[in-house]
Amino acid sequence: MAHRRSGVRVTGAVAAAVALALAAAGCSDSDTSPSDAASKVASAASSAASRGSDVVASATAEAGKKLDGFKDGVNAKGDVKLGDVSTDGGRATVPVTVDNGQSSSKSYAVQVEFRDKGGNLLDTVVVTVNDVGADASKKATARSNRSLDGDVTADVARALRH
């Protein structure tokens, strides 16, 4: 269910591809039957959907590795605010503001998750915001790893300070 958006896009592509395959098979002099063509298209679509799931899983694993590498991190989710999601070249972007209320300079690692309006995870990224001054704020931008379309929202999954 977490990858419903990519599944919907793939399903639409599958329907179009099946229609084309059936039309081509019906007009063809080859030995390929319409059911063989439809089977090949369905197999290709299933493979594409699997690769879409793999992309999100890979991004999530990579985000986890980055945060795990942030030594001696303290939960700082409350120090982070996100702005409105926009699109830049097809990729979703969101402004990230970190407020350091500590008495010394700190660095932050922020995991941002991009979701569709149904709450399904589309992508996840980690933004590092280094050297945020004592009692100061600093801005950064989180950018999705791939193109995302439709109504995309963003939220802070995790934030660490050190």
C-alpha atoms as a PDB file:
ATOM      1  CA  MET A   1       0.000   0.000   0.000  1.00  0.00           C
ATOM      2  CA  ALA A   2       2.953   2.323   0.628  1.00  0.00           C
ATOM      3  CA  HIS A   3       3.710   2.436  -3.072  1.00  0.00           C
ATOM      4  CA  ARG A   4       0.204   2.936  -4.397  1.00  0.00           C
ATOM      5  CA  ARG A   5       1.025   6.083  -6.412  1.00  0.00           C
ATOM      6  CA  SER A   6       3.643   4.378  -8.568  1.00  0.00           C
ATOM      7  CA  GLY A   7       1.309   1.403  -8.893  1.00  0.00           C
ATOM      8  CA  VAL A   8      -1.456   3.637 -10.238  1.00  0.00           C
ATOM      9  CA  ARG A   9       0.872   5.175 -12.821  1.00  0.00           C
ATOM     10  CA  VAL A  10       2.134   1.752 -13.845  1.00  0.00           C
ATOM     11  CA  THR A  11      -1.429   0.400 -14.053  1.00  0.00           C
ATOM     12  CA  GLY A  12      -2.371   3.195 -16.460  1.00  0.00           C
ATOM     13  CA  ALA A  13       0.706   2.479 -18.533  1.00  0.00           C
ATOM     14  CA  VAL A  14      -0.105  -1.226 -18.487  1.00  0.00           C
ATOM     15  CA  ALA A  15      -3.636  -0.615 -19.743  1.00  0.00           C
ATOM     16  CA  ALA A  16      -2.352   1.486 -22.620  1.00  0.00           C
ATOM     17  CA  ALA A  17       0.393  -0.999 -23.417  1.00  0.00           C
ATOM     18  CA  VAL A  18      -2.026  -3.935 -23.333  1.00  0.00           C
ATOM     19  CA  ALA A  19      -4.393  -2.130 -25.686  1.00  0.00           C
ATOM     20  CA  LEU A  20      -1.535  -1.388 -28.070  1.00  0.00           C
ATOM     21  CA  ALA A  21      -0.214  -4.938 -27.827  1.00  0.00           C
ATOM     22  CA  LEU A  22      -3.635  -6.401 -28.526  1.00  0.00           C
ATOM     23  CA  ALA A  23      -4.168  -4.062 -31.463  1.00  0.00           C
ATOM     24  CA  ALA A  24      -0.728  -4.834 -32.856  1.00  0.00           C
ATOM     25  CA  ALA A  25      -1.213  -8.568 -32.421  1.00  0.00           C
ATOM     26  CA  GLY A  26      -4.613  -8.385 -34.100  1.00  0.00           C
ATOM     27  CA  CYS A  27      -3.152  -6.587 -37.129  1.00  0.00           C
ATOM     28  CA  SER A  28       0.015  -8.623 -37.304  1.00  0.00           C
ATOM     29  CA  ASP A  29       0.949 -11.516 -39.527  1.00  0.00           C
ATOM     30  CA  SER A  30       3.262 -12.907 -36.822  1.00  0.00           C
ATOM     31  CA  ASP A  31       2.680 -15.984 -34.699  1.00  0.00           C
ATOM     32  CA  THR A  32       2.204 -13.882 -31.555  1.00  0.00           C
ATOM     33  CA  SER A  33      -1.327 -14.252 -30.198  1.00  0.00           C
ATOM     34  CA  PRO A  34      -3.098 -11.412 -28.417  1.00  0.00           C
ATOM     35  CA  SER A  35      -2.905 -13.335 -25.135  1.00  0.00           C
ATOM     36  CA  ASP A  36       0.874 -13.847 -25.578  1.00  0.00           C
ATOM     37  CA  ALA A  37       1.326 -10.119 -26.222  1.00  0.00           C
ATOM     38  CA  ALA A  38      -0.809  -9.198 -23.207  1.00  0.00           C
ATOM     39  CA  SER A  39       1.148 -11.625 -21.029  1.00  0.00           C
ATOM     40  CA  LYS A  40       4.468 -10.085 -22.102  1.00  0.00           C
ATOM     41  CA  VAL A  41       3.186  -6.570 -21.427  1.00  0.00           C
ATOM     42  CA  ALA A  42       1.826  -7.548 -17.996  1.00  0.00           C
ATOM     43  CA  SER A  43       5.163  -9.141 -17.120  1.00  0.00           C
ATOM     44  CA  ALA A  44       7.037  -5.995 -18.139  1.00  0.00           C
ATOM     45  CA  ALA A  45       4.636  -3.819 -16.133  1.00  0.00           C
ATOM     46  CA  SER A  46       5.047  -5.999 -13.044  1.00  0.00           C
ATOM     47  CA  SER A  47       8.802  -5.664 -13.387  1.00  0.00           C
ATOM     48  CA  ALA A  48       8.489  -1.857 -13.677  1.00  0.00           C
ATOM     49  CA  ALA A  49       6.305  -1.672 -10.555  1.00  0.00           C
ATOM     50  CA  SER A  50       8.817  -3.773  -8.668  1.00  0.00           C
ATOM     51  CA  ARG A  51      11.629  -1.427  -9.716  1.00  0.00           C
ATOM     52  CA  GLY A  52       9.568   1.553  -8.460  1.00  0.00           C
ATOM     53  CA  SER A  53       9.216  -0.123  -5.064  1.00  0.00           C
ATOM     54  CA  ASP A  54      12.922  -0.871  -5.097  1.00  0.00           C
ATOM     55  CA  VAL A  55      13.741   2.812  -5.690  1.00  0.00           C
ATOM     56  CA  VAL A  56      11.798   3.929  -2.599  1.00  0.00           C
ATOM     57  CA  ALA A  57      13.225   1.076  -0.518  1.00  0.00           C
ATOM     58  CA  SER A  58      16.734   1.992  -1.646  1.00  0.00           C
ATOM     59  CA  ALA A  59      16.223   5.676  -0.792  1.00  0.00           C
ATOM     60  CA  THR A  60      14.863   4.726   2.642  1.00  0.00           C
ATOM     61  CA  ALA A  61      17.832   2.428   3.315  1.00  0.00           C
ATOM     62  CA  GLU A  62      20.276   5.126   2.216  1.00  0.00           C
ATOM     63  CA  ALA A  63      18.585   7.695   4.488  1.00  0.00           C
ATOM     64  CA  GLY A  64      18.883   5.276   7.401  1.00  0.00           C
ATOM     65  CA  LYS A  65      22.602   4.798   6.722  1.00  0.00           C
ATOM     66  CA  LYS A  66      23.201   8.549   6.632  1.00  0.00           C
ATOM     67  CA  LEU A  67      21.406   9.089   9.924  1.00  0.00           C
ATOM     68  CA  ASP A  68      23.146   6.114  11.542  1.00  0.00           C
ATOM     69  CA  GLY A  69      26.471   7.694  10.539  1.00  0.00           C
ATOM     70  CA  PHE A  70      25.585  10.890  12.407  1.00  0.00           C
ATOM     71  CA  LYS A  71      27.518  10.069  15.613  1.00  0.00           C
ATOM     72  CA  ASP A  72      26.180  10.971  19.054  1.00  0.00           C
ATOM     73  CA  GLY A  73      23.006  12.465  17.560  1.00  0.00           C
ATOM     74  CA  VAL A  74      20.234  13.740  19.802  1.00  0.00           C
ATOM     75  CA  ASN A  75      16.586  13.762  18.696  1.00  0.00           C
ATOM     76  CA  ALA A  76      15.942  17.257  17.334  1.00  0.00           C
ATOM     77  CA  LYS A  77      12.738  16.816  15.355  1.00  0.00           C
ATOM     78  CA  GLY A  78      11.188  19.755  17.235  1.00  0.00           C
ATOM     79  CA  ASP A  79      13.981  22.042  15.979  1.00  0.00           C
ATOM     80  CA  VAL A  80      12.986  21.562  12.324  1.00  0.00           C
ATOM     81  CA  LYS A  81      10.197  23.130  10.286  1.00  0.00           C
ATOM     82  CA  LEU A  82       9.320  22.527   6.641  1.00  0.00           C
ATOM     83  CA  GLY A  83       7.874  25.024   4.193  1.00  0.00           C
ATOM     84  CA  ASP A  84       5.566  24.336   1.258  1.00  0.00           C
ATOM     85  CA  VAL A  85       6.450  21.662  -1.284  1.00  0.00           C
ATOM     86  CA  SER A  86       7.110  22.893  -4.816  1.00  0.00           C
ATOM     87  CA  THR A  87       8.490  21.345  -7.992  1.00  0.00           C
ATOM     88  CA  ASP A  88      11.822  22.068  -9.649  1.00  0.00           C
ATOM     89  CA  GLY A  89      12.466  20.210 -12.899  1.00  0.00           C
ATOM     90  CA  GLY A  90       9.924  17.557 -11.908  1.00  0.00           C
ATOM     91  CA  ARG A  91      11.557  16.910  -8.557  1.00  0.00           C
ATOM     92  CA  ALA A  92       9.763  17.884  -5.352  1.00  0.00           C
ATOM     93  CA  THR A  93      11.563  20.421  -3.165  1.00  0.00           C
ATOM     94  CA  VAL A  94      10.790  21.756   0.285  1.00  0.00           C
ATOM     95  CA  PRO A  95      12.516  24.459   2.358  1.00  0.00           C
ATOM     96  CA  VAL A  96      13.949  23.193   5.645  1.00  0.00           C
ATOM     97  CA  THR A  97      14.519  25.587   8.562  1.00  0.00           C
ATOM     98  CA  VAL A  98      16.550  24.471  11.574  1.00  0.00           C
ATOM     99  CA  ASP A  99      16.335  26.472  14.820  1.00  0.00           C
ATOM    100  CA  ASN A 100      19.259  25.781  17.138  1.00  0.00           C
ATOM    101  CA  GLY A 101      18.255  26.759  20.675  1.00  0.00           C
ATOM    102  CA  GLN A 102      21.513  25.433  22.120  1.00  0.00           C
ATOM    103  CA  SER A 103      24.296  27.574  23.603  1.00  0.00           C
ATOM    104  CA  SER A 104      26.824  26.369  21.014  1.00  0.00           C
ATOM    105  CA  SER A 105      26.960  25.730  17.266  1.00  0.00           C
ATOM    106  CA  LYS A 106      25.383  22.413  16.192  1.00  0.00           C
ATOM    107  CA  SER A 107      24.968  20.368  13.014  1.00  0.00           C
ATOM    108  CA  TYR A 108      21.771  18.589  12.010  1.00  0.00           C
ATOM    109  CA  ALA A 109      20.746  15.638   9.844  1.00  0.00           C
ATOM    110  CA  VAL A 110      17.100  15.803   8.774  1.00  0.00           C
ATOM    111  CA  GLN A 111      15.214  12.953   7.097  1.00  0.00           C
ATOM    112  CA  VAL A 112      12.392  14.324   4.928  1.00  0.00           C
ATOM    113  CA  GLU A 113       9.720  12.019   3.527  1.00  0.00           C
ATOM    114  CA  PHE A 114       7.691  12.945   0.452  1.00  0.00           C
ATOM    115  CA  ARG A 115       4.180  11.451   0.351  1.00  0.00           C
ATOM    116  CA  ASP A 116       1.144  11.558  -1.902  1.00  0.00           C
ATOM    117  CA  LYS A 117      -2.188  12.925  -0.656  1.00  0.00           C
ATOM    118  CA  GLY A 118      -3.134   9.419   0.495  1.00  0.00           C
ATOM    119  CA  GLY A 119      -0.080   9.273   2.752  1.00  0.00           C
ATOM    120  CA  ASN A 120       1.827   6.771   0.616  1.00  0.00           C
ATOM    121  CA  LEU A 121       5.608   7.148   0.746  1.00  0.00           C
ATOM    122  CA  LEU A 122       7.017   8.351  -2.583  1.00  0.00           C
ATOM    123  CA  ASP A 123      10.617   9.206  -1.656  1.00  0.00           C
ATOM    124  CA  THR A 124      12.851  10.039   1.293  1.00  0.00           C
ATOM    125  CA  VAL A 125      16.014  12.141   1.554  1.00  0.00           C
ATOM    126  CA  VAL A 126      18.440  13.302   4.222  1.00  0.00           C
ATOM    127  CA  VAL A 127      19.573  16.920   4.368  1.00  0.00           C
ATOM    128  CA  THR A 128      22.540  17.925   6.492  1.00  0.00           C
ATOM    129  CA  VAL A 129      22.608  21.432   7.903  1.00  0.00           C
ATOM    130  CA  ASN A 130      26.063  22.113   9.315  1.00  0.00           C
ATOM    131  CA  ASP A 131      27.244  24.730  11.772  1.00  0.00           C
ATOM    132  CA  VAL A 132      23.966  26.265  12.856  1.00  0.00           C
ATOM    133  CA  GLY A 133      25.041  28.995  15.273  1.00  0.00           C
ATOM    134  CA  ALA A 134      24.010  29.138  18.921  1.00  0.00           C
ATOM    135  CA  ASP A 135      20.453  30.487  19.259  1.00  0.00           C
ATOM    136  CA  ALA A 136      20.320  30.874  15.469  1.00  0.00           C
ATOM    137  CA  SER A 137      18.456  29.462  12.471  1.00  0.00           C
ATOM    138  CA  LYS A 138      19.703  28.142   9.162  1.00  0.00           C
ATOM    139  CA  LYS A 139      17.869  27.169   5.985  1.00  0.00           C
ATOM    140  CA  ALA A 140      18.413  24.341   3.513  1.00  0.00           C
ATOM    141  CA  THR A 141      16.402  22.645   0.769  1.00  0.00           C
ATOM    142  CA  ALA A 142      15.329  19.006   0.592  1.00  0.00           C
ATOM    143  CA  ARG A 143      15.026  17.719  -2.988  1.00  0.00           C
ATOM    144  CA  SER A 144      13.480  14.385  -3.984  1.00  0.00           C
ATOM    145  CA  ASN A 145      15.731  11.819  -5.632  1.00  0.00           C
ATOM    146  CA  ARG A 146      13.394  11.468  -8.604  1.00  0.00           C
ATOM    147  CA  SER A 147      10.507  13.190 -10.333  1.00  0.00           C
ATOM    148  CA  LEU A 148       7.278  13.211  -8.342  1.00  0.00           C
ATOM    149  CA  ASP A 149       3.926  14.398  -9.631  1.00  0.00           C
ATOM    150  CA  GLY A 150       0.529  15.150  -8.193  1.00  0.00           C
ATOM    151  CA  ASP A 151      -0.179  16.536  -4.738  1.00  0.00           C
ATOM    152  CA  VAL A 152       3.029  15.858  -2.834  1.00  0.00           C
ATOM    153  CA  THR A 153       3.453  16.616   0.862  1.00  0.00           C
ATOM    154  CA  ALA A 154       6.568  16.468   3.014  1.00  0.00           C
ATOM    155  CA  ASP A 155       7.169  15.728   6.663  1.00  0.00           C
ATOM    156  CA  VAL A 156      10.145  15.339   8.976  1.00  0.00           C
ATOM    157  CA  ALA A 157      10.615  11.640   9.699  1.00  0.00           C
ATOM    158  CA  ARG A 158      13.700  12.055  11.903  1.00  0.00           C
ATOM    159  CA  ALA A 159      16.078  14.828  12.852  1.00  0.00           C
ATOM    160  CA  LEU A 160      19.331  14.496  14.765  1.00  0.00           C
ATOM    161  CA  ARG A 161      21.546  17.187  16.278  1.00  0.00           C
ATOM    162  CA  HIS A 162      25.170  16.934  17.323  1.00  0.00           C
END
